[in-house]
Amino acid sequence: MAVHGRFRQPCPVCGSPVQRIRYAENEVNYCATCQTGGRLLADRSLSRLLKEDWPRSLEEWEEHVGLPGRE
């Protein structure tokens, strides 16, 4: 619950950007570093659209979005 509603804001524990999965009218926010070991969970519709271009890790996502690296 510490990251609920905090998409793209820093995680209060580790400082990584909070990720989001949306499905219909539902939304789930999670910290990829704390909760999934750096692995991004697939957003069903977006990952289908991007297929091989879907980032598999938080580092790939940061490169794709153009966010500065964590320090």
PDB file of N, CA and C in Angstrom:
ATOM      1  N   MET A   1       0.820  -1.205   0.000  1.00  0.00           N
ATOM      2  CA  MET A   1       0.000   0.000   0.000  1.00  0.00           C
ATOM      3  C   MET A   1       0.862   1.267   0.000  1.00  0.00           C
ATOM      4  N   ALA A   2       2.159   1.139   0.264  1.00  0.00           N
ATOM      5  CA  ALA A   2       3.020   2.317   0.327  1.00  0.00           C
ATOM      6  C   ALA A   2       3.164   3.004  -1.027  1.00  0.00           C
ATOM      7  N   VAL A   3       2.937   2.284  -2.129  1.00  0.00           N
ATOM      8  CA  VAL A   3       3.096   2.877  -3.457  1.00  0.00           C
ATOM      9  C   VAL A   3       1.764   3.092  -4.171  1.00  0.00           C
ATOM     10  N   HIS A   4       0.666   2.842  -3.492  1.00  0.00           N
ATOM     11  CA  HIS A   4      -0.661   3.000  -4.106  1.00  0.00           C
ATOM     12  C   HIS A   4      -0.860   4.430  -4.597  1.00  0.00           C
ATOM     13  N   GLY A   5      -1.207   4.577  -5.883  1.00  0.00           N
ATOM     14  CA  GLY A   5      -1.480   5.884  -6.450  1.00  0.00           C
ATOM     15  C   GLY A   5      -0.242   6.740  -6.676  1.00  0.00           C
ATOM     16  N   ARG A   6       0.949   6.124  -6.689  1.00  0.00           N
ATOM     17  CA  ARG A   6       2.192   6.884  -6.823  1.00  0.00           C
ATOM     18  C   ARG A   6       2.927   6.566  -8.126  1.00  0.00           C
ATOM     19  N   PHE A   7       2.219   6.323  -9.228  1.00  0.00           N
ATOM     20  CA  PHE A   7       2.836   5.985 -10.505  1.00  0.00           C
ATOM     21  C   PHE A   7       3.877   7.025 -10.896  1.00  0.00           C
ATOM     22  N   ARG A   8       5.063   6.553 -11.267  1.00  0.00           N
ATOM     23  CA  ARG A   8       6.235   7.339 -11.678  1.00  0.00           C
ATOM     24  C   ARG A   8       6.867   8.153 -10.560  1.00  0.00           C
ATOM     25  N   GLN A   9       6.309   8.131  -9.381  1.00  0.00           N
ATOM     26  CA  GLN A   9       6.941   8.791  -8.246  1.00  0.00           C
ATOM     27  C   GLN A   9       7.935   7.820  -7.622  1.00  0.00           C
ATOM     28  N   PRO A  10       8.895   8.304  -6.859  1.00  0.00           N
ATOM     29  CA  PRO A  10       9.867   7.386  -6.249  1.00  0.00           C
ATOM     30  C   PRO A  10       9.250   6.522  -5.157  1.00  0.00           C
ATOM     31  N   CYS A  11       9.700   5.279  -5.101  1.00  0.00           N
ATOM     32  CA  CYS A  11       9.281   4.358  -4.043  1.00  0.00           C
ATOM     33  C   CYS A  11       9.807   4.900  -2.719  1.00  0.00           C
ATOM     34  N   PRO A  12       8.990   4.897  -1.653  1.00  0.00           N
ATOM     35  CA  PRO A  12       9.451   5.418  -0.368  1.00  0.00           C
ATOM     36  C   PRO A  12      10.559   4.562   0.261  1.00  0.00           C
ATOM     37  N   VAL A  13      10.730   3.325  -0.193  1.00  0.00           N
ATOM     38  CA  VAL A  13      11.752   2.437   0.377  1.00  0.00           C
ATOM     39  C   VAL A  13      13.073   2.532  -0.381  1.00  0.00           C
ATOM     40  N   CYS A  14      13.032   2.397  -1.724  1.00  0.00           N
ATOM     41  CA  CYS A  14      14.278   2.309  -2.493  1.00  0.00           C
ATOM     42  C   CYS A  14      14.510   3.459  -3.459  1.00  0.00           C
ATOM     43  N   GLY A  15      13.496   4.259  -3.752  1.00  0.00           N
ATOM     44  CA  GLY A  15      13.651   5.394  -4.643  1.00  0.00           C
ATOM     45  C   GLY A  15      13.428   5.103  -6.119  1.00  0.00           C
ATOM     46  N   SER A  16      13.175   3.846  -6.487  1.00  0.00           N
ATOM     47  CA  SER A  16      12.893   3.496  -7.885  1.00  0.00           C
ATOM     48  C   SER A  16      11.532   4.047  -8.293  1.00  0.00           C
ATOM     49  N   PRO A  17      11.344   4.352  -9.576  1.00  0.00           N
ATOM     50  CA  PRO A  17      10.028   4.845  -9.995  1.00  0.00           C
ATOM     51  C   PRO A  17       8.962   3.752  -9.874  1.00  0.00           C
ATOM     52  N   VAL A  18       7.809   4.129  -9.374  1.00  0.00           N
ATOM     53  CA  VAL A  18       6.698   3.195  -9.211  1.00  0.00           C
ATOM     54  C   VAL A  18       6.096   2.895 -10.577  1.00  0.00           C
ATOM     55  N   GLN A  19       5.818   1.627 -10.843  1.00  0.00           N
ATOM     56  CA  GLN A  19       5.259   1.157 -12.108  1.00  0.00           C
ATOM     57  C   GLN A  19       3.755   0.964 -11.973  1.00  0.00           C
ATOM     58  N   ARG A  20       3.085   0.822 -13.122  1.00  0.00           N
ATOM     59  CA  ARG A  20       1.627   0.677 -13.109  1.00  0.00           C
ATOM     60  C   ARG A  20       1.205  -0.372 -14.124  1.00  0.00           C
ATOM     61  N   ILE A  21       0.187  -1.135 -13.771  1.00  0.00           N
ATOM     62  CA  ILE A  21      -0.499  -2.040 -14.690  1.00  0.00           C
ATOM     63  C   ILE A  21      -1.956  -1.610 -14.691  1.00  0.00           C
ATOM     64  N   ARG A  22      -2.500  -1.387 -15.895  1.00  0.00           N
ATOM     65  CA  ARG A  22      -3.909  -1.010 -16.006  1.00  0.00           C
ATOM     66  C   ARG A  22      -4.646  -2.065 -16.794  1.00  0.00           C
ATOM     67  N   TYR A  23      -5.829  -2.400 -16.318  1.00  0.00           N
ATOM     68  CA  TYR A  23      -6.699  -3.330 -17.023  1.00  0.00           C
ATOM     69  C   TYR A  23      -8.123  -2.845 -16.832  1.00  0.00           C
ATOM     70  N   ALA A  24      -8.762  -2.495 -17.940  1.00  0.00           N
ATOM     71  CA  ALA A  24     -10.113  -1.927 -17.914  1.00  0.00           C
ATOM     72  C   ALA A  24     -10.119  -0.704 -16.998  1.00  0.00           C
ATOM     73  N   GLU A  25     -10.888  -0.731 -15.948  1.00  0.00           N
ATOM     74  CA  GLU A  25     -10.959   0.408 -15.037  1.00  0.00           C
ATOM     75  C   GLU A  25     -10.115   0.201 -13.791  1.00  0.00           C
ATOM     76  N   ASN A  26      -9.346  -0.868 -13.733  1.00  0.00           N
ATOM     77  CA  ASN A  26      -8.528  -1.170 -12.562  1.00  0.00           C
ATOM     78  C   ASN A  26      -7.081  -0.771 -12.800  1.00  0.00           C
ATOM     79  N   GLU A  27      -6.392  -0.468 -11.724  1.00  0.00           N
ATOM     80  CA  GLU A  27      -4.994  -0.086 -11.786  1.00  0.00           C
ATOM     81  C   GLU A  27      -4.254  -0.695 -10.602  1.00  0.00           C
ATOM     82  N   VAL A  28      -3.043  -1.192 -10.868  1.00  0.00           N
ATOM     83  CA  VAL A  28      -2.193  -1.738  -9.819  1.00  0.00           C
ATOM     84  C   VAL A  28      -0.861  -1.009  -9.890  1.00  0.00           C
ATOM     85  N   ASN A  29      -0.416  -0.475  -8.772  1.00  0.00           N
ATOM     86  CA  ASN A  29       0.889   0.168  -8.691  1.00  0.00           C
ATOM     87  C   ASN A  29       1.816  -0.737  -7.893  1.00  0.00           C
ATOM     88  N   TYR A  30       3.086  -0.814  -8.330  1.00  0.00           N
ATOM     89  CA  TYR A  30       4.052  -1.659  -7.634  1.00  0.00           C
ATOM     90  C   TYR A  30       5.456  -1.115  -7.841  1.00  0.00           C
ATOM     91  N   CYS A  31       6.355  -1.480  -6.963  1.00  0.00           N
ATOM     92  CA  CYS A  31       7.768  -1.124  -7.096  1.00  0.00           C
ATOM     93  C   CYS A  31       8.481  -2.323  -7.701  1.00  0.00           C
ATOM     94  N   ALA A  32       9.020  -2.143  -8.899  1.00  0.00           N
ATOM     95  CA  ALA A  32       9.698  -3.249  -9.582  1.00  0.00           C
ATOM     96  C   ALA A  32      10.926  -3.718  -8.806  1.00  0.00           C
ATOM     97  N   THR A  33      11.628  -2.822  -8.161  1.00  0.00           N
ATOM     98  CA  THR A  33      12.834  -3.199  -7.421  1.00  0.00           C
ATOM     99  C   THR A  33      12.488  -3.976  -6.150  1.00  0.00           C
ATOM    100  N   CYS A  34      11.601  -3.448  -5.342  1.00  0.00           N
ATOM    101  CA  CYS A  34      11.258  -4.087  -4.059  1.00  0.00           C
ATOM    102  C   CYS A  34      10.391  -5.327  -4.211  1.00  0.00           C
ATOM    103  N   GLN A  35       9.451  -5.302  -5.146  1.00  0.00           N
ATOM    104  CA  GLN A  35       8.453  -6.355  -5.202  1.00  0.00           C
ATOM    105  C   GLN A  35       8.705  -7.434  -6.240  1.00  0.00           C
ATOM    106  N   THR A  36       9.439  -7.131  -7.301  1.00  0.00           N
ATOM    107  CA  THR A  36       9.636  -8.147  -8.346  1.00  0.00           C
ATOM    108  C   THR A  36      11.100  -8.345  -8.704  1.00  0.00           C
ATOM    109  N   GLY A  37      12.021  -7.836  -7.903  1.00  0.00           N
ATOM    110  CA  GLY A  37      13.442  -8.028  -8.164  1.00  0.00           C
ATOM    111  C   GLY A  37      13.931  -7.325  -9.425  1.00  0.00           C
ATOM    112  N   GLY A  38      13.305  -6.219  -9.798  1.00  0.00           N
ATOM    113  CA  GLY A  38      13.717  -5.454 -10.967  1.00  0.00           C
ATOM    114  C   GLY A  38      13.011  -5.839 -12.256  1.00  0.00           C
ATOM    115  N   ARG A  39      12.182  -6.857 -12.215  1.00  0.00           N
ATOM    116  CA  ARG A  39      11.464  -7.313 -13.409  1.00  0.00           C
ATOM    117  C   ARG A  39      10.159  -6.537 -13.556  1.00  0.00           C
ATOM    118  N   LEU A  40       9.888  -6.050 -14.756  1.00  0.00           N
ATOM    119  CA  LEU A  40       8.634  -5.350 -15.010  1.00  0.00           C
ATOM    120  C   LEU A  40       7.534  -6.353 -15.308  1.00  0.00           C
ATOM    121  N   LEU A  41       6.394  -6.147 -14.721  1.00  0.00           N
ATOM    122  CA  LEU A  41       5.245  -6.995 -15.004  1.00  0.00           C
ATOM    123  C   LEU A  41       4.572  -6.490 -16.271  1.00  0.00           C
ATOM    124  N   ALA A  42       4.038  -7.385 -17.056  1.00  0.00           N
ATOM    125  CA  ALA A  42       3.462  -7.030 -18.353  1.00  0.00           C
ATOM    126  C   ALA A  42       2.071  -6.422 -18.190  1.00  0.00           C
ATOM    127  N   ASP A  43       1.904  -5.277 -18.804  1.00  0.00           N
ATOM    128  CA  ASP A  43       0.596  -4.667 -18.949  1.00  0.00           C
ATOM    129  C   ASP A  43       0.002  -5.341 -20.181  1.00  0.00           C
ATOM    130  N   ARG A  44      -1.025  -6.110 -20.023  1.00  0.00           N
ATOM    131  CA  ARG A  44      -1.523  -6.998 -21.070  1.00  0.00           C
ATOM    132  C   ARG A  44      -1.680  -6.338 -22.439  1.00  0.00           C
ATOM    133  N   SER A  45      -2.376  -5.224 -22.503  1.00  0.00           N
ATOM    134  CA  SER A  45      -2.620  -4.597 -23.804  1.00  0.00           C
ATOM    135  C   SER A  45      -1.366  -3.940 -24.362  1.00  0.00           C
ATOM    136  N   LEU A  46      -0.621  -3.254 -23.535  1.00  0.00           N
ATOM    137  CA  LEU A  46       0.574  -2.567 -24.007  1.00  0.00           C
ATOM    138  C   LEU A  46       1.679  -3.538 -24.399  1.00  0.00           C
ATOM    139  N   SER A  47       1.875  -4.599 -23.628  1.00  0.00           N
ATOM    140  CA  SER A  47       2.922  -5.566 -23.969  1.00  0.00           C
ATOM    141  C   SER A  47       2.582  -6.321 -25.256  1.00  0.00           C
ATOM    142  N   ARG A  48       1.304  -6.538 -25.514  1.00  0.00           N
ATOM    143  CA  ARG A  48       0.908  -7.173 -26.783  1.00  0.00           C
ATOM    144  C   ARG A  48       1.205  -6.261 -27.959  1.00  0.00           C
ATOM    145  N   LEU A  49       0.988  -4.976 -27.782  1.00  0.00           N
ATOM    146  CA  LEU A  49       1.241  -4.010 -28.834  1.00  0.00           C
ATOM    147  C   LEU A  49       2.749  -3.889 -29.122  1.00  0.00           C
ATOM    148  N   LEU A  50       3.544  -3.818 -28.071  1.00  0.00           N
ATOM    149  CA  LEU A  50       4.987  -3.623 -28.233  1.00  0.00           C
ATOM    150  C   LEU A  50       5.758  -4.914 -28.508  1.00  0.00           C
ATOM    151  N   LYS A  51       5.209  -6.049 -28.110  1.00  0.00           N
ATOM    152  CA  LYS A  51       5.819  -7.371 -28.288  1.00  0.00           C
ATOM    153  C   LYS A  51       7.280  -7.403 -27.867  1.00  0.00           C
ATOM    154  N   GLU A  52       8.206  -7.520 -28.789  1.00  0.00           N
ATOM    155  CA  GLU A  52       9.625  -7.652 -28.460  1.00  0.00           C
ATOM    156  C   GLU A  52      10.230  -6.362 -27.910  1.00  0.00           C
ATOM    157  N   ASP A  53       9.591  -5.224 -28.149  1.00  0.00           N
ATOM    158  CA  ASP A  53      10.105  -3.963 -27.647  1.00  0.00           C
ATOM    159  C   ASP A  53       9.708  -3.698 -26.195  1.00  0.00           C
ATOM    160  N   TRP A  54       8.886  -4.579 -25.616  1.00  0.00           N
ATOM    161  CA  TRP A  54       8.465  -4.404 -24.232  1.00  0.00           C
ATOM    162  C   TRP A  54       9.680  -4.572 -23.326  1.00  0.00           C
ATOM    163  N   PRO A  55       9.992  -3.585 -22.460  1.00  0.00           N
ATOM    164  CA  PRO A  55      11.163  -3.702 -21.581  1.00  0.00           C
ATOM    165  C   PRO A  55      10.973  -4.821 -20.563  1.00  0.00           C
ATOM    166  N   ARG A  56      12.020  -5.611 -20.372  1.00  0.00           N
ATOM    167  CA  ARG A  56      11.951  -6.746 -19.447  1.00  0.00           C
ATOM    168  C   ARG A  56      12.444  -6.396 -18.051  1.00  0.00           C
ATOM    169  N   SER A  57      13.173  -5.294 -17.926  1.00  0.00           N
ATOM    170  CA  SER A  57      13.701  -4.910 -16.619  1.00  0.00           C
ATOM    171  C   SER A  57      13.503  -3.413 -16.403  1.00  0.00           C
ATOM    172  N   LEU A  58      13.701  -2.988 -15.177  1.00  0.00           N
ATOM    173  CA  LEU A  58      13.555  -1.583 -14.835  1.00  0.00           C
ATOM    174  C   LEU A  58      14.588  -0.740 -15.578  1.00  0.00           C
ATOM    175  N   GLU A  59      15.789  -1.258 -15.756  1.00  0.00           N
ATOM    176  CA  GLU A  59      16.835  -0.528 -16.474  1.00  0.00           C
ATOM    177  C   GLU A  59      16.450  -0.304 -17.938  1.00  0.00           C
ATOM    178  N   GLU A  60      15.900  -1.325 -18.584  1.00  0.00           N
ATOM    179  CA  GLU A  60      15.450  -1.181 -19.972  1.00  0.00           C
ATOM    180  C   GLU A  60      14.328  -0.146 -20.063  1.00  0.00           C
ATOM    181  N   TRP A  61      13.428  -0.144 -19.095  1.00  0.00           N
ATOM    182  CA  TRP A  61      12.329   0.811 -19.091  1.00  0.00           C
ATOM    183  C   TRP A  61      12.855   2.236 -18.947  1.00  0.00           C
ATOM    184  N   GLU A  62      13.825   2.443 -18.031  1.00  0.00           N
ATOM    185  CA  GLU A  62      14.398   3.769 -17.834  1.00  0.00           C
ATOM    186  C   GLU A  62      15.078   4.264 -19.108  1.00  0.00           C
ATOM    187  N   GLU A  63      15.774   3.377 -19.827  1.00  0.00           N
ATOM    188  CA  GLU A  63      16.402   3.751 -21.090  1.00  0.00           C
ATOM    189  C   GLU A  63      15.340   4.118 -22.124  1.00  0.00           C
ATOM    190  N   HIS A  64      14.275   3.347 -22.176  1.00  0.00           N
ATOM    191  CA  HIS A  64      13.199   3.566 -23.149  1.00  0.00           C
ATOM    192  C   HIS A  64      12.480   4.890 -22.908  1.00  0.00           C
ATOM    193  N   VAL A  65      12.212   5.200 -21.651  1.00  0.00           N
ATOM    194  CA  VAL A  65      11.464   6.399 -21.301  1.00  0.00           C
ATOM    195  C   VAL A  65      12.388   7.617 -21.248  1.00  0.00           C
ATOM    196  N   GLY A  66      13.674   7.387 -21.054  1.00  0.00           N
ATOM    197  CA  GLY A  66      14.623   8.485 -21.001  1.00  0.00           C
ATOM    198  C   GLY A  66      14.764   9.100 -19.622  1.00  0.00           C
ATOM    199  N   LEU A  67      14.472   8.331 -18.583  1.00  0.00           N
ATOM    200  CA  LEU A  67      14.638   8.826 -17.225  1.00  0.00           C
ATOM    201  C   LEU A  67      16.106   8.728 -16.829  1.00  0.00           C
ATOM    202  N   PRO A  68      16.581   9.639 -16.017  1.00  0.00           N
ATOM    203  CA  PRO A  68      17.954   9.525 -15.538  1.00  0.00           C
ATOM    204  C   PRO A  68      18.087   8.328 -14.623  1.00  0.00           C
ATOM    205  N   GLY A  69      19.246   7.705 -14.612  1.00  0.00           N
ATOM    206  CA  GLY A  69      19.476   6.529 -13.778  1.00  0.00           C
ATOM    207  C   GLY A  69      19.417   6.853 -12.304  1.00  0.00           C
ATOM    208  N   ARG A  70      19.144   5.854 -11.521  1.00  0.00           N
ATOM    209  CA  ARG A  70      19.105   6.040 -10.070  1.00  0.00           C
ATOM    210  C   ARG A  70      20.520   6.134  -9.536  1.00  0.00           C
ATOM    211  N   GLU A  71      20.707   6.861  -8.451  1.00  0.00           N
ATOM    212  CA  GLU A  71      22.031   7.007  -7.865  1.00  0.00           C
ATOM    213  C   GLU A  71      22.061   6.374  -6.510  1.00  0.00           C
TER     214      GLU A  71
END
